Amino acid sequence: MGFGRSTGRMGRGALLLALLLGPGFAQTAVPIEQLRAAFLYNFALFVYWPAPPTGEFDLCLYGANPAIATETLAGKRVGGAALRVRRPANVSELRGCQVLYIDGRDRAALARAREAVATLPVLTVSEASEFNDRPAMINLIVAQGRIAFDIDTEAAGRAGIQVSSRLLRLARKVY
């Protein structure tokens, strides 16, 4: 059973995500770093892993220095697990991640990370559309103060991850 099905937070997560993507979104004064954090958290609520983690839920940030307001994630829970933010120094430390945000500005880091977790149940998220339109399972697109996203369900399926239809309906593109 996935996280979203057992938490009761799915309604709130769906509401937050819909509000962030709604028509008034471009006029909000929320810093992009906080929006990235909110999206990462909500993605975790709408994805189902083959074996949900217990104890701690690791959201990992890999690459140069991704601009994400991780302090806004303190105290959050995904299912029954406490969310923990980690910054792995090398690819060997990526194995324990449930969600992996890869800084797309570093092509070499992106390629290494994707290869390291390709067959593991790790949801990969990146923001690297300028040189690869499918750099991760979820690709954030930031333009004019707005965030949209594309989802590669084929890559997620190969890793044993199922994406909720609610999240798929909000995606700009689904592959």
N, C-alpha and C. Protein backbone atom coordinates (compact mmCIF):
# COMPACT_ATOMS: atom_id res chain seq x y z
N MET A 1 0.84 -1.18 0.00
CA MET A 1 0.00 0.00 0.00
C MET A 1 0.88 1.23 0.00
N GLY A 2 0.51 2.23 -0.73
CA GLY A 2 1.31 3.44 -0.83
C GLY A 2 1.01 4.45 0.25
N PHE A 3 1.80 5.45 0.31
CA PHE A 3 1.67 6.46 1.33
C PHE A 3 0.36 7.21 1.24
N GLY A 4 0.04 7.71 0.06
CA GLY A 4 -1.14 8.54 -0.10
C GLY A 4 -2.41 7.83 0.31
N ARG A 5 -2.47 6.55 0.15
CA ARG A 5 -3.68 5.80 0.47
C ARG A 5 -3.88 5.65 1.96
N SER A 6 -2.83 5.78 2.74
CA SER A 6 -2.97 5.49 4.15
C SER A 6 -2.83 6.71 5.04
N THR A 7 -2.62 7.90 4.50
CA THR A 7 -2.28 9.02 5.35
C THR A 7 -3.41 9.96 5.68
N GLY A 8 -4.40 10.06 4.86
CA GLY A 8 -5.39 11.08 5.08
C GLY A 8 -4.89 12.46 4.66
N ARG A 9 -3.64 12.58 4.32
CA ARG A 9 -3.06 13.84 3.87
C ARG A 9 -3.27 14.06 2.38
N MET A 10 -3.74 13.06 1.70
CA MET A 10 -3.85 13.17 0.26
C MET A 10 -4.75 14.32 -0.13
N GLY A 11 -5.85 14.52 0.58
CA GLY A 11 -6.73 15.63 0.27
C GLY A 11 -6.03 16.97 0.41
N ARG A 12 -5.30 17.15 1.51
CA ARG A 12 -4.57 18.39 1.71
C ARG A 12 -3.46 18.55 0.68
N GLY A 13 -2.77 17.45 0.37
CA GLY A 13 -1.70 17.50 -0.63
C GLY A 13 -2.26 17.87 -1.99
N ALA A 14 -3.40 17.29 -2.34
CA ALA A 14 -4.02 17.59 -3.62
C ALA A 14 -4.45 19.04 -3.67
N LEU A 15 -4.98 19.53 -2.57
CA LEU A 15 -5.40 20.91 -2.52
C LEU A 15 -4.21 21.85 -2.68
N LEU A 16 -3.13 21.60 -1.95
CA LEU A 16 -1.95 22.44 -2.06
C LEU A 16 -1.40 22.43 -3.48
N LEU A 17 -1.28 21.25 -4.06
CA LEU A 17 -0.74 21.14 -5.41
C LEU A 17 -1.65 21.86 -6.41
N ALA A 18 -2.96 21.70 -6.27
CA ALA A 18 -3.88 22.37 -7.19
C ALA A 18 -3.80 23.89 -7.03
N LEU A 19 -3.66 24.34 -5.79
CA LEU A 19 -3.52 25.78 -5.57
C LEU A 19 -2.24 26.32 -6.19
N LEU A 20 -1.16 25.57 -6.05
CA LEU A 20 0.11 26.01 -6.61
C LEU A 20 0.06 26.08 -8.13
N LEU A 21 -0.71 25.20 -8.73
CA LEU A 21 -0.78 25.16 -10.18
C LEU A 21 -1.93 25.97 -10.76
N GLY A 22 -2.80 26.48 -9.89
CA GLY A 22 -3.99 27.19 -10.34
C GLY A 22 -3.68 28.48 -11.08
N PRO A 23 -4.70 29.11 -11.64
CA PRO A 23 -4.52 30.29 -12.45
C PRO A 23 -3.90 31.47 -11.71
N GLY A 24 -4.11 31.61 -10.42
CA GLY A 24 -3.55 32.72 -9.66
C GLY A 24 -2.12 32.48 -9.24
N PHE A 25 -1.57 31.34 -9.58
CA PHE A 25 -0.24 30.96 -9.11
C PHE A 25 0.84 31.95 -9.52
N ALA A 26 0.80 32.46 -10.74
CA ALA A 26 1.84 33.34 -11.23
C ALA A 26 1.92 34.64 -10.42
N GLN A 27 0.83 35.02 -9.77
CA GLN A 27 0.82 36.25 -9.01
C GLN A 27 1.27 36.06 -7.56
N THR A 28 1.54 34.85 -7.13
CA THR A 28 1.94 34.63 -5.75
C THR A 28 3.34 35.15 -5.51
N ALA A 29 3.60 35.48 -4.25
CA ALA A 29 4.91 36.02 -3.88
C ALA A 29 5.75 34.97 -3.17
N VAL A 30 5.44 33.71 -3.37
CA VAL A 30 6.16 32.63 -2.72
C VAL A 30 7.49 32.42 -3.44
N PRO A 31 8.61 32.44 -2.71
CA PRO A 31 9.91 32.22 -3.36
C PRO A 31 9.97 30.85 -4.04
N ILE A 32 10.64 30.80 -5.18
CA ILE A 32 10.75 29.57 -5.97
C ILE A 32 11.35 28.43 -5.16
N GLU A 33 12.24 28.72 -4.22
CA GLU A 33 12.87 27.68 -3.38
C GLU A 33 11.82 26.99 -2.52
N GLN A 34 10.84 27.75 -2.02
CA GLN A 34 9.77 27.16 -1.22
C GLN A 34 8.81 26.37 -2.10
N LEU A 35 8.57 26.85 -3.31
CA LEU A 35 7.69 26.12 -4.22
C LEU A 35 8.30 24.77 -4.60
N ARG A 36 9.60 24.75 -4.87
CA ARG A 36 10.25 23.47 -5.18
C ARG A 36 10.07 22.49 -4.01
N ALA A 37 10.28 22.96 -2.80
CA ALA A 37 10.12 22.10 -1.62
C ALA A 37 8.69 21.57 -1.52
N ALA A 38 7.71 22.45 -1.75
CA ALA A 38 6.30 22.03 -1.68
C ALA A 38 5.99 20.99 -2.75
N PHE A 39 6.51 21.18 -3.94
CA PHE A 39 6.28 20.20 -5.00
C PHE A 39 6.90 18.85 -4.64
N LEU A 40 8.14 18.85 -4.17
CA LEU A 40 8.80 17.60 -3.80
C LEU A 40 8.02 16.86 -2.73
N TYR A 41 7.57 17.57 -1.74
CA TYR A 41 6.79 16.95 -0.67
C TYR A 41 5.49 16.36 -1.22
N ASN A 42 4.79 17.12 -2.04
CA ASN A 42 3.53 16.64 -2.58
C ASN A 42 3.71 15.49 -3.56
N PHE A 43 4.81 15.49 -4.30
CA PHE A 43 5.08 14.33 -5.16
C PHE A 43 5.16 13.07 -4.30
N ALA A 44 5.82 13.17 -3.16
CA ALA A 44 5.96 12.01 -2.27
C ALA A 44 4.60 11.50 -1.80
N LEU A 45 3.63 12.38 -1.65
CA LEU A 45 2.30 11.97 -1.21
C LEU A 45 1.49 11.29 -2.30
N PHE A 46 1.88 11.48 -3.56
CA PHE A 46 1.11 10.96 -4.69
C PHE A 46 1.83 9.85 -5.45
N VAL A 47 2.80 9.24 -4.82
CA VAL A 47 3.57 8.17 -5.45
C VAL A 47 3.56 6.97 -4.51
N TYR A 48 3.50 5.78 -5.10
CA TYR A 48 3.43 4.55 -4.31
C TYR A 48 4.65 3.69 -4.61
N TRP A 49 5.35 3.34 -3.55
CA TRP A 49 6.55 2.51 -3.66
C TRP A 49 6.17 1.06 -3.43
N PRO A 50 6.95 0.11 -3.99
CA PRO A 50 6.64 -1.31 -3.80
C PRO A 50 6.69 -1.71 -2.32
N ALA A 51 7.61 -1.14 -1.57
CA ALA A 51 7.71 -1.40 -0.13
C ALA A 51 7.91 -0.06 0.56
N PRO A 52 6.81 0.52 1.09
CA PRO A 52 6.94 1.82 1.73
C PRO A 52 7.94 1.78 2.89
N PRO A 53 8.78 2.80 2.97
CA PRO A 53 9.76 2.84 4.06
C PRO A 53 9.08 3.07 5.40
N THR A 54 9.71 2.60 6.42
CA THR A 54 9.23 2.82 7.77
C THR A 54 10.28 3.61 8.52
N GLY A 55 9.88 4.31 9.52
CA GLY A 55 10.83 5.11 10.29
C GLY A 55 11.10 6.45 9.65
N GLU A 56 12.02 6.47 8.69
CA GLU A 56 12.37 7.72 8.02
C GLU A 56 12.16 7.61 6.52
N PHE A 57 11.75 8.72 5.94
CA PHE A 57 11.54 8.84 4.51
C PHE A 57 12.60 9.81 4.01
N ASP A 58 13.52 9.34 3.18
CA ASP A 58 14.65 10.16 2.75
C ASP A 58 14.40 10.87 1.44
N LEU A 59 14.38 12.20 1.51
CA LEU A 59 14.34 13.05 0.34
C LEU A 59 15.77 13.54 0.17
N CYS A 60 16.40 13.15 -0.93
CA CYS A 60 17.81 13.45 -1.15
C CYS A 60 17.98 14.52 -2.21
N LEU A 61 18.93 15.41 -1.98
CA LEU A 61 19.27 16.48 -2.92
C LEU A 61 20.68 16.21 -3.40
N TYR A 62 20.84 16.03 -4.70
CA TYR A 62 22.14 15.64 -5.25
C TYR A 62 22.56 16.59 -6.36
N GLY A 63 23.82 16.92 -6.38
CA GLY A 63 24.36 17.79 -7.42
C GLY A 63 24.90 19.06 -6.79
N ALA A 64 25.11 20.07 -7.63
CA ALA A 64 25.78 21.30 -7.21
C ALA A 64 25.22 21.84 -5.89
N ASN A 65 24.17 22.59 -5.91
CA ASN A 65 23.54 23.10 -4.71
C ASN A 65 22.13 23.51 -5.06
N PRO A 66 21.22 22.54 -5.13
CA PRO A 66 19.87 22.87 -5.56
C PRO A 66 19.21 23.88 -4.62
N ALA A 67 18.54 24.85 -5.20
CA ALA A 67 17.86 25.90 -4.43
C ALA A 67 16.49 25.40 -4.00
N ILE A 68 16.46 24.78 -2.84
CA ILE A 68 15.23 24.23 -2.29
C ILE A 68 15.18 24.62 -0.82
N ALA A 69 14.07 25.16 -0.38
CA ALA A 69 13.90 25.60 1.00
C ALA A 69 13.60 24.39 1.88
N THR A 70 14.63 23.63 2.20
CA THR A 70 14.44 22.39 2.96
C THR A 70 13.91 22.63 4.37
N GLU A 71 14.13 23.83 4.92
CA GLU A 71 13.62 24.09 6.27
C GLU A 71 12.10 24.04 6.32
N THR A 72 11.44 24.26 5.18
CA THR A 72 9.98 24.20 5.16
C THR A 72 9.47 22.75 5.26
N LEU A 73 10.36 21.79 5.11
CA LEU A 73 9.97 20.38 5.17
C LEU A 73 10.12 19.78 6.57
N ALA A 74 10.69 20.52 7.47
CA ALA A 74 10.92 20.02 8.83
C ALA A 74 9.60 19.62 9.48
N GLY A 75 9.59 18.43 10.07
CA GLY A 75 8.43 17.93 10.77
C GLY A 75 7.37 17.28 9.90
N LYS A 76 7.56 17.29 8.60
CA LYS A 76 6.58 16.68 7.69
C LYS A 76 6.66 15.16 7.78
N ARG A 77 5.54 14.53 7.45
CA ARG A 77 5.50 13.07 7.43
C ARG A 77 4.97 12.62 6.07
N VAL A 78 5.47 11.48 5.64
CA VAL A 78 4.99 10.84 4.42
C VAL A 78 4.54 9.46 4.87
N GLY A 79 3.22 9.28 4.88
CA GLY A 79 2.69 8.05 5.47
C GLY A 79 3.05 8.03 6.94
N GLY A 80 3.57 6.93 7.40
CA GLY A 80 3.98 6.83 8.79
C GLY A 80 5.43 7.19 9.02
N ALA A 81 6.12 7.65 8.00
CA ALA A 81 7.55 7.92 8.11
C ALA A 81 7.84 9.42 8.23
N ALA A 82 8.84 9.74 9.03
CA ALA A 82 9.27 11.13 9.18
C ALA A 82 10.18 11.50 8.01
N LEU A 83 9.89 12.63 7.38
CA LEU A 83 10.69 13.07 6.25
C LEU A 83 12.05 13.58 6.75
N ARG A 84 13.09 13.12 6.10
CA ARG A 84 14.46 13.56 6.41
C ARG A 84 15.10 14.01 5.11
N VAL A 85 15.74 15.18 5.14
CA VAL A 85 16.43 15.69 3.96
C VAL A 85 17.91 15.34 4.09
N ARG A 86 18.44 14.71 3.04
CA ARG A 86 19.86 14.37 3.00
C ARG A 86 20.49 14.96 1.76
N ARG A 87 21.78 15.24 1.84
CA ARG A 87 22.56 15.72 0.69
C ARG A 87 23.72 14.74 0.47
N PRO A 88 23.46 13.64 -0.23
CA PRO A 88 24.52 12.66 -0.48
C PRO A 88 25.69 13.28 -1.24
N ALA A 89 26.88 12.89 -0.83
CA ALA A 89 28.10 13.43 -1.45
C ALA A 89 28.48 12.67 -2.72
N ASN A 90 28.07 11.40 -2.81
CA ASN A 90 28.43 10.61 -3.99
C ASN A 90 27.31 9.63 -4.32
N VAL A 91 27.39 9.01 -5.48
CA VAL A 91 26.30 8.14 -5.95
C VAL A 91 26.09 6.90 -5.08
N SER A 92 27.12 6.45 -4.39
CA SER A 92 26.94 5.27 -3.54
C SER A 92 25.99 5.55 -2.37
N GLU A 93 25.78 6.81 -2.05
CA GLU A 93 24.88 7.18 -0.95
C GLU A 93 23.44 7.39 -1.41
N LEU A 94 23.15 7.17 -2.68
CA LEU A 94 21.80 7.41 -3.21
C LEU A 94 20.85 6.24 -2.97
N ARG A 95 21.37 5.10 -2.64
CA ARG A 95 20.56 3.88 -2.50
C ARG A 95 19.41 4.01 -1.50
N GLY A 96 19.59 4.73 -0.42
CA GLY A 96 18.56 4.81 0.61
C GLY A 96 17.51 5.88 0.39
N CYS A 97 17.58 6.58 -0.73
CA CYS A 97 16.65 7.68 -0.99
C CYS A 97 15.31 7.14 -1.48
N GLN A 98 14.23 7.79 -1.09
CA GLN A 98 12.92 7.49 -1.68
C GLN A 98 12.63 8.48 -2.80
N VAL A 99 12.93 9.77 -2.56
CA VAL A 99 12.82 10.81 -3.59
C VAL A 99 14.21 11.40 -3.75
N LEU A 100 14.63 11.53 -5.00
CA LEU A 100 15.95 12.07 -5.31
C LEU A 100 15.80 13.25 -6.24
N TYR A 101 16.12 14.45 -5.73
CA TYR A 101 16.13 15.65 -6.58
C TYR A 101 17.55 15.81 -7.08
N ILE A 102 17.71 15.81 -8.41
CA ILE A 102 19.03 15.91 -9.01
C ILE A 102 19.15 17.30 -9.64
N ASP A 103 20.14 18.04 -9.21
CA ASP A 103 20.37 19.37 -9.76
C ASP A 103 20.74 19.21 -11.24
N GLY A 104 19.86 19.64 -12.13
CA GLY A 104 20.05 19.44 -13.55
C GLY A 104 21.08 20.32 -14.21
N ARG A 105 21.65 21.28 -13.48
CA ARG A 105 22.67 22.15 -14.09
C ARG A 105 23.97 21.39 -14.31
N ASP A 106 24.15 20.30 -13.60
CA ASP A 106 25.38 19.51 -13.70
C ASP A 106 25.06 18.24 -14.48
N ARG A 107 25.33 18.25 -15.78
CA ARG A 107 24.99 17.10 -16.64
C ARG A 107 25.66 15.81 -16.18
N ALA A 108 26.91 15.89 -15.75
CA ALA A 108 27.63 14.69 -15.31
C ALA A 108 26.98 14.10 -14.06
N ALA A 109 26.62 14.96 -13.11
CA ALA A 109 25.97 14.48 -11.88
C ALA A 109 24.62 13.86 -12.20
N LEU A 110 23.89 14.48 -13.11
CA LEU A 110 22.59 13.96 -13.52
C LEU A 110 22.73 12.57 -14.12
N ALA A 111 23.69 12.40 -15.02
CA ALA A 111 23.91 11.09 -15.66
C ALA A 111 24.33 10.04 -14.64
N ARG A 112 25.26 10.39 -13.74
CA ARG A 112 25.72 9.44 -12.71
C ARG A 112 24.57 9.02 -11.79
N ALA A 113 23.79 9.98 -11.36
CA ALA A 113 22.69 9.68 -10.44
C ALA A 113 21.63 8.82 -11.11
N ARG A 114 21.27 9.16 -12.33
CA ARG A 114 20.26 8.37 -13.04
C ARG A 114 20.72 6.93 -13.21
N GLU A 115 21.96 6.74 -13.55
CA GLU A 115 22.50 5.39 -13.72
C GLU A 115 22.52 4.63 -12.40
N ALA A 116 22.87 5.30 -11.32
CA ALA A 116 23.00 4.66 -10.01
C ALA A 116 21.66 4.15 -9.47
N VAL A 117 20.56 4.82 -9.80
CA VAL A 117 19.27 4.43 -9.23
C VAL A 117 18.27 3.93 -10.28
N ALA A 118 18.74 3.67 -11.48
CA ALA A 118 17.86 3.31 -12.60
C ALA A 118 16.90 2.17 -12.30
N THR A 119 17.34 1.17 -11.57
CA THR A 119 16.49 0.01 -11.30
C THR A 119 16.00 -0.05 -9.86
N LEU A 120 16.28 1.00 -9.10
CA LEU A 120 15.85 1.05 -7.70
C LEU A 120 14.54 1.82 -7.58
N PRO A 121 13.73 1.53 -6.55
CA PRO A 121 12.48 2.27 -6.36
C PRO A 121 12.74 3.66 -5.76
N VAL A 122 13.37 4.52 -6.56
CA VAL A 122 13.70 5.88 -6.15
C VAL A 122 13.03 6.82 -7.14
N LEU A 123 12.15 7.69 -6.66
CA LEU A 123 11.51 8.68 -7.52
C LEU A 123 12.52 9.76 -7.83
N THR A 124 12.88 9.91 -9.11
CA THR A 124 13.85 10.94 -9.50
C THR A 124 13.11 12.17 -10.01
N VAL A 125 13.59 13.33 -9.55
CA VAL A 125 13.02 14.62 -9.94
C VAL A 125 14.18 15.51 -10.34
N SER A 126 14.00 16.25 -11.43
CA SER A 126 15.05 17.16 -11.86
C SER A 126 14.42 18.38 -12.51
N GLU A 127 15.28 19.29 -12.88
CA GLU A 127 14.86 20.52 -13.54
C GLU A 127 15.89 20.79 -14.63
N ALA A 128 15.84 19.95 -15.66
CA ALA A 128 16.91 19.98 -16.66
C ALA A 128 16.38 19.94 -18.08
N SER A 129 15.31 20.63 -18.34
CA SER A 129 14.66 20.52 -19.65
C SER A 129 15.44 21.09 -20.81
N GLU A 130 16.42 21.97 -20.56
CA GLU A 130 17.11 22.59 -21.69
C GLU A 130 17.96 21.63 -22.50
N PHE A 131 18.40 20.51 -21.94
CA PHE A 131 19.23 19.60 -22.74
C PHE A 131 18.67 18.19 -22.80
N ASN A 132 17.60 17.92 -22.11
CA ASN A 132 17.02 16.59 -22.11
C ASN A 132 15.58 16.73 -21.65
N ASP A 133 14.63 16.40 -22.50
CA ASP A 133 13.25 16.61 -22.10
C ASP A 133 12.70 15.54 -21.16
N ARG A 134 13.48 14.50 -20.87
CA ARG A 134 13.06 13.47 -19.92
C ARG A 134 14.25 13.09 -19.02
N PRO A 135 14.77 14.05 -18.26
CA PRO A 135 15.95 13.78 -17.45
C PRO A 135 15.68 12.95 -16.20
N ALA A 136 14.43 12.89 -15.80
CA ALA A 136 14.07 12.19 -14.56
C ALA A 136 12.64 11.71 -14.69
N MET A 137 12.16 10.99 -13.68
CA MET A 137 10.77 10.53 -13.71
C MET A 137 9.82 11.72 -13.69
N ILE A 138 10.20 12.75 -12.92
CA ILE A 138 9.44 13.99 -12.91
C ILE A 138 10.41 15.11 -13.23
N ASN A 139 10.06 15.88 -14.23
CA ASN A 139 10.90 17.01 -14.64
C ASN A 139 10.15 18.30 -14.36
N LEU A 140 10.73 19.13 -13.47
CA LEU A 140 10.14 20.43 -13.18
C LEU A 140 10.52 21.41 -14.29
N ILE A 141 9.57 22.24 -14.66
CA ILE A 141 9.81 23.28 -15.64
C ILE A 141 9.47 24.59 -14.94
N VAL A 142 10.46 25.45 -14.79
CA VAL A 142 10.27 26.74 -14.12
C VAL A 142 10.39 27.83 -15.16
N ALA A 143 9.33 28.62 -15.31
CA ALA A 143 9.35 29.71 -16.28
C ALA A 143 8.42 30.81 -15.80
N GLN A 144 8.91 32.02 -15.81
CA GLN A 144 8.13 33.19 -15.45
C GLN A 144 7.45 33.06 -14.09
N GLY A 145 8.20 32.53 -13.12
CA GLY A 145 7.67 32.41 -11.77
C GLY A 145 6.67 31.30 -11.57
N ARG A 146 6.52 30.44 -12.54
CA ARG A 146 5.58 29.31 -12.44
C ARG A 146 6.34 28.01 -12.50
N ILE A 147 5.77 26.99 -11.89
CA ILE A 147 6.34 25.65 -11.98
C ILE A 147 5.30 24.74 -12.60
N ALA A 148 5.73 23.99 -13.59
CA ALA A 148 4.91 22.93 -14.17
C ALA A 148 5.79 21.69 -14.13
N PHE A 149 5.23 20.56 -14.50
CA PHE A 149 6.04 19.34 -14.48
C PHE A 149 5.54 18.33 -15.49
N ASP A 150 6.49 17.51 -15.96
CA ASP A 150 6.22 16.39 -16.85
C ASP A 150 6.53 15.12 -16.08
N ILE A 151 5.84 14.04 -16.42
CA ILE A 151 6.05 12.77 -15.73
C ILE A 151 6.33 11.67 -16.75
N ASP A 152 7.38 10.91 -16.50
CA ASP A 152 7.75 9.76 -17.32
C ASP A 152 7.30 8.50 -16.58
N THR A 153 6.09 8.03 -16.88
CA THR A 153 5.54 6.87 -16.19
C THR A 153 6.26 5.58 -16.57
N GLU A 154 6.87 5.56 -17.77
CA GLU A 154 7.63 4.37 -18.17
C GLU A 154 8.84 4.18 -17.25
N ALA A 155 9.57 5.26 -16.99
CA ALA A 155 10.74 5.18 -16.10
C ALA A 155 10.30 4.83 -14.69
N ALA A 156 9.22 5.41 -14.23
CA ALA A 156 8.72 5.10 -12.89
C ALA A 156 8.34 3.62 -12.80
N GLY A 157 7.66 3.13 -13.80
CA GLY A 157 7.25 1.73 -13.82
C GLY A 157 8.43 0.77 -13.79
N ARG A 158 9.50 1.11 -14.53
CA ARG A 158 10.69 0.25 -14.52
C ARG A 158 11.30 0.18 -13.12
N ALA A 159 11.12 1.22 -12.32
CA ALA A 159 11.66 1.25 -10.96
C ALA A 159 10.66 0.69 -9.95
N GLY A 160 9.50 0.26 -10.41
CA GLY A 160 8.50 -0.29 -9.50
C GLY A 160 7.68 0.75 -8.78
N ILE A 161 7.69 1.98 -9.28
CA ILE A 161 6.98 3.08 -8.66
C ILE A 161 5.70 3.35 -9.44
N GLN A 162 4.61 3.56 -8.71
CA GLN A 162 3.33 3.87 -9.34
C GLN A 162 2.98 5.32 -9.01
N VAL A 163 2.60 6.09 -10.02
CA VAL A 163 2.23 7.49 -9.84
C VAL A 163 0.71 7.58 -9.81
N SER A 164 0.18 8.28 -8.82
CA SER A 164 -1.27 8.44 -8.68
C SER A 164 -1.86 9.13 -9.89
N SER A 165 -3.05 8.71 -10.26
CA SER A 165 -3.75 9.35 -11.39
C SER A 165 -4.04 10.82 -11.08
N ARG A 166 -4.19 11.15 -9.81
CA ARG A 166 -4.42 12.56 -9.44
C ARG A 166 -3.23 13.42 -9.82
N LEU A 167 -2.03 12.91 -9.62
CA LEU A 167 -0.83 13.65 -9.98
C LEU A 167 -0.66 13.68 -11.50
N LEU A 168 -0.97 12.59 -12.16
CA LEU A 168 -0.87 12.53 -13.61
C LEU A 168 -1.78 13.56 -14.28
N ARG A 169 -2.96 13.79 -13.71
CA ARG A 169 -3.90 14.77 -14.29
C ARG A 169 -3.35 16.20 -14.20
N LEU A 170 -2.48 16.47 -13.22
CA LEU A 170 -1.93 17.81 -13.05
C LEU A 170 -0.67 18.05 -13.89
N ALA A 171 -0.12 16.99 -14.45
CA ALA A 171 1.13 17.11 -15.22
C ALA A 171 0.89 17.84 -16.54
N ARG A 172 1.91 18.55 -16.97
CA ARG A 172 1.87 19.22 -18.27
C ARG A 172 1.92 18.17 -19.38
N LYS A 173 2.84 17.21 -19.26
CA LYS A 173 2.97 16.09 -20.20
C LYS A 173 3.16 14.80 -19.42
N VAL A 174 2.64 13.72 -19.96
CA VAL A 174 2.86 12.38 -19.38
C VAL A 174 3.40 11.50 -20.49
N TYR A 175 4.54 10.87 -20.23
CA TYR A 175 5.18 9.99 -21.20
C TYR A 175 4.91 8.55 -20.83
